[in-house]
C-alpha atoms as a PDB file:
ATOM      1  CA  UNK A   1       4.743  41.841  21.376  1.00  0.00           C
ATOM      2  CA  UNK A   2       3.715  38.924  19.035  1.00  0.00           C
ATOM      3  CA  UNK A   3       0.974  36.763  20.043  1.00  0.00           C
ATOM      4  CA  UNK A   4       1.659  33.138  19.288  1.00  0.00           C
ATOM      5  CA  UNK A   5      -1.506  31.658  17.409  1.00  0.00           C
ATOM      6  CA  UNK A   6      -3.658  28.687  18.814  1.00  0.00           C
ATOM      7  CA  UNK A   7      -2.215  25.925  15.925  1.00  0.00           C
ATOM      8  CA  UNK A   8       1.279  26.663  17.638  1.00  0.00           C
ATOM      9  CA  UNK A   9       0.376  25.001  21.159  1.00  0.00           C
ATOM     10  CA  UNK A  10      -1.427  21.855  19.000  1.00  0.00           C
ATOM     11  CA  UNK A  11      -0.107  18.471  20.494  1.00  0.00           C
ATOM     12  CA  UNK A  12       1.213  15.890  17.752  1.00  0.00           C
ATOM     13  CA  UNK A  13      -1.679  13.509  17.756  1.00  0.00           C
ATOM     14  CA  UNK A  14      -1.605  10.496  15.249  1.00  0.00           C
ATOM     15  CA  UNK A  15      -4.414   8.050  14.037  1.00  0.00           C
ATOM     16  CA  UNK A  16      -4.973   4.954  12.184  1.00  0.00           C
ATOM     17  CA  UNK A  17      -7.054   4.522   9.091  1.00  0.00           C
ATOM     18  CA  UNK A  18      -7.357   2.525   6.103  1.00  0.00           C
ATOM     19  CA  UNK A  19      -7.292   3.799   2.622  1.00  0.00           C
ATOM     20  CA  UNK A  20     -10.431   2.763   0.329  1.00  0.00           C
ATOM     21  CA  UNK A  21     -11.338   3.920  -3.010  1.00  0.00           C
ATOM     22  CA  UNK A  22      -8.153   6.239  -2.360  1.00  0.00           C
ATOM     23  CA  UNK A  23      -9.480   8.019   0.163  1.00  0.00           C
ATOM     24  CA  UNK A  24      -8.271   7.906   3.802  1.00  0.00           C
ATOM     25  CA  UNK A  25     -10.600   6.653   6.103  1.00  0.00           C
ATOM     26  CA  UNK A  26     -10.220   7.864   9.946  1.00  0.00           C
ATOM     27  CA  UNK A  27     -11.949   6.149  13.307  1.00  0.00           C
ATOM     28  CA  UNK A  28     -14.593   8.117  14.335  1.00  0.00           C
ATOM     29  CA  UNK A  29     -13.250   9.720  17.366  1.00  0.00           C
ATOM     30  CA  UNK A  30     -11.135  11.599  14.763  1.00  0.00           C
ATOM     31  CA  UNK A  31     -11.164  15.493  15.673  1.00  0.00           C
ATOM     32  CA  UNK A  32      -9.677  17.478  12.473  1.00  0.00           C
ATOM     33  CA  UNK A  33     -11.241  20.754  11.304  1.00  0.00           C
ATOM     34  CA  UNK A  34     -11.327  20.745   7.546  1.00  0.00           C
ATOM     35  CA  UNK A  35      -8.756  21.649   5.877  1.00  0.00           C
ATOM     36  CA  UNK A  36      -6.366  20.622   8.043  1.00  0.00           C
ATOM     37  CA  UNK A  37      -3.164  19.270   6.374  1.00  0.00           C
ATOM     38  CA  UNK A  38      -2.208  15.735   7.434  1.00  0.00           C
ATOM     39  CA  UNK A  39       1.105  13.304   6.876  1.00  0.00           C
ATOM     40  CA  UNK A  40       0.125   9.858   5.818  1.00  0.00           C
ATOM     41  CA  UNK A  41       2.735   7.400   5.998  1.00  0.00           C
ATOM     42  CA  UNK A  42       2.217   3.842   5.183  1.00  0.00           C
ATOM     43  CA  UNK A  43       2.119   0.819   6.987  1.00  0.00           C
ATOM     44  CA  UNK A  44       4.876  -1.545   6.156  1.00  0.00           C
ATOM     45  CA  UNK A  45       3.704  -4.331   4.773  1.00  0.00           C
ATOM     46  CA  UNK A  46       0.243  -3.600   2.739  1.00  0.00           C
ATOM     47  CA  UNK A  47       1.792  -2.644  -0.039  1.00  0.00           C
ATOM     48  CA  UNK A  48       3.157  -6.096  -0.378  1.00  0.00           C
ATOM     49  CA  UNK A  49      -0.123  -7.146  -0.082  1.00  0.00           C
ATOM     50  CA  UNK A  50      -1.493  -4.752  -2.844  1.00  0.00           C
ATOM     51  CA  UNK A  51       1.654  -6.139  -5.247  1.00  0.00           C
ATOM     52  CA  UNK A  52       0.443  -9.892  -4.655  1.00  0.00           C
ATOM     53  CA  UNK A  53      -3.137  -9.397  -5.386  1.00  0.00           C
ATOM     54  CA  UNK A  54      -2.132  -7.482  -8.597  1.00  0.00           C
ATOM     55  CA  UNK A  55      -0.011 -10.003  -9.324  1.00  0.00           C
ATOM     56  CA  UNK A  56      -2.225 -12.864  -8.835  1.00  0.00           C
ATOM     57  CA  UNK A  57      -4.727 -10.793 -10.686  1.00  0.00           C
ATOM     58  CA  UNK A  58      -2.272 -10.545 -13.718  1.00  0.00           C
ATOM     59  CA  UNK A  59      -1.303 -13.670 -13.395  1.00  0.00           C
ATOM     60  CA  UNK A  60      -4.927 -15.367 -14.171  1.00  0.00           C
ATOM     61  CA  UNK A  61      -5.312 -13.465 -17.476  1.00  0.00           C
ATOM     62  CA  UNK A  62      -1.767 -14.383 -18.831  1.00  0.00           C
ATOM     63  CA  UNK A  63      -2.687 -17.431 -21.991  1.00  0.00           C
ATOM     64  CA  UNK A  64      -0.080 -20.056 -23.298  1.00  0.00           C
ATOM     65  CA  UNK A  65       2.692 -20.406 -20.412  1.00  0.00           C
ATOM     66  CA  UNK A  66       3.821 -23.822 -19.759  1.00  0.00           C
ATOM     67  CA  UNK A  67       1.893 -25.728 -16.880  1.00  0.00           C
ATOM     68  CA  UNK A  68       5.380 -26.505 -15.443  1.00  0.00           C
ATOM     69  CA  UNK A  69       6.857 -23.231 -15.601  1.00  0.00           C
ATOM     70  CA  UNK A  70       7.374 -22.580 -11.794  1.00  0.00           C
ATOM     71  CA  UNK A  71       9.151 -25.938 -11.639  1.00  0.00           C
ATOM     72  CA  UNK A  72      11.247 -25.683 -14.402  1.00  0.00           C
ATOM     73  CA  UNK A  73      11.738 -21.851 -14.551  1.00  0.00           C
ATOM     74  CA  UNK A  74      15.465 -22.016 -14.240  1.00  0.00           C
ATOM     75  CA  UNK A  75      15.022 -23.656 -17.917  1.00  0.00           C
ATOM     76  CA  UNK A  76      12.437 -21.386 -19.556  1.00  0.00           C
ATOM     77  CA  UNK A  77      14.621 -18.360 -18.353  1.00  0.00           C
ATOM     78  CA  UNK A  78      17.879 -19.203 -19.011  1.00  0.00           C
ATOM     79  CA  UNK A  79      17.584 -22.215 -21.317  1.00  0.00           C
ATOM     80  CA  UNK A  80      19.499 -24.810 -18.490  1.00  0.00           C
ATOM     81  CA  UNK A  81      18.334 -28.710 -19.047  1.00  0.00           C
ATOM     82  CA  UNK A  82      14.656 -29.745 -17.683  1.00  0.00           C
ATOM     83  CA  UNK A  83      15.032 -31.143 -13.926  1.00  0.00           C
END
């Protein structure tokens, strides 16, 4: 007769954490053994914030863009007359 291991009776538990410097930080009450395999699913919206932060950072470094680029983007992209 085969015996099931204790791990097959483990209930699914989820914790909400954050990523800092590439490491997932879980709440203090998270009880996981060292070596436990986990599945991390990013919460929607946070990646958009990261993209926005990166875009703002890059835009601060770009030089030589016209001051009216936002207002006149059609002119610069497609050659339409300025408004």
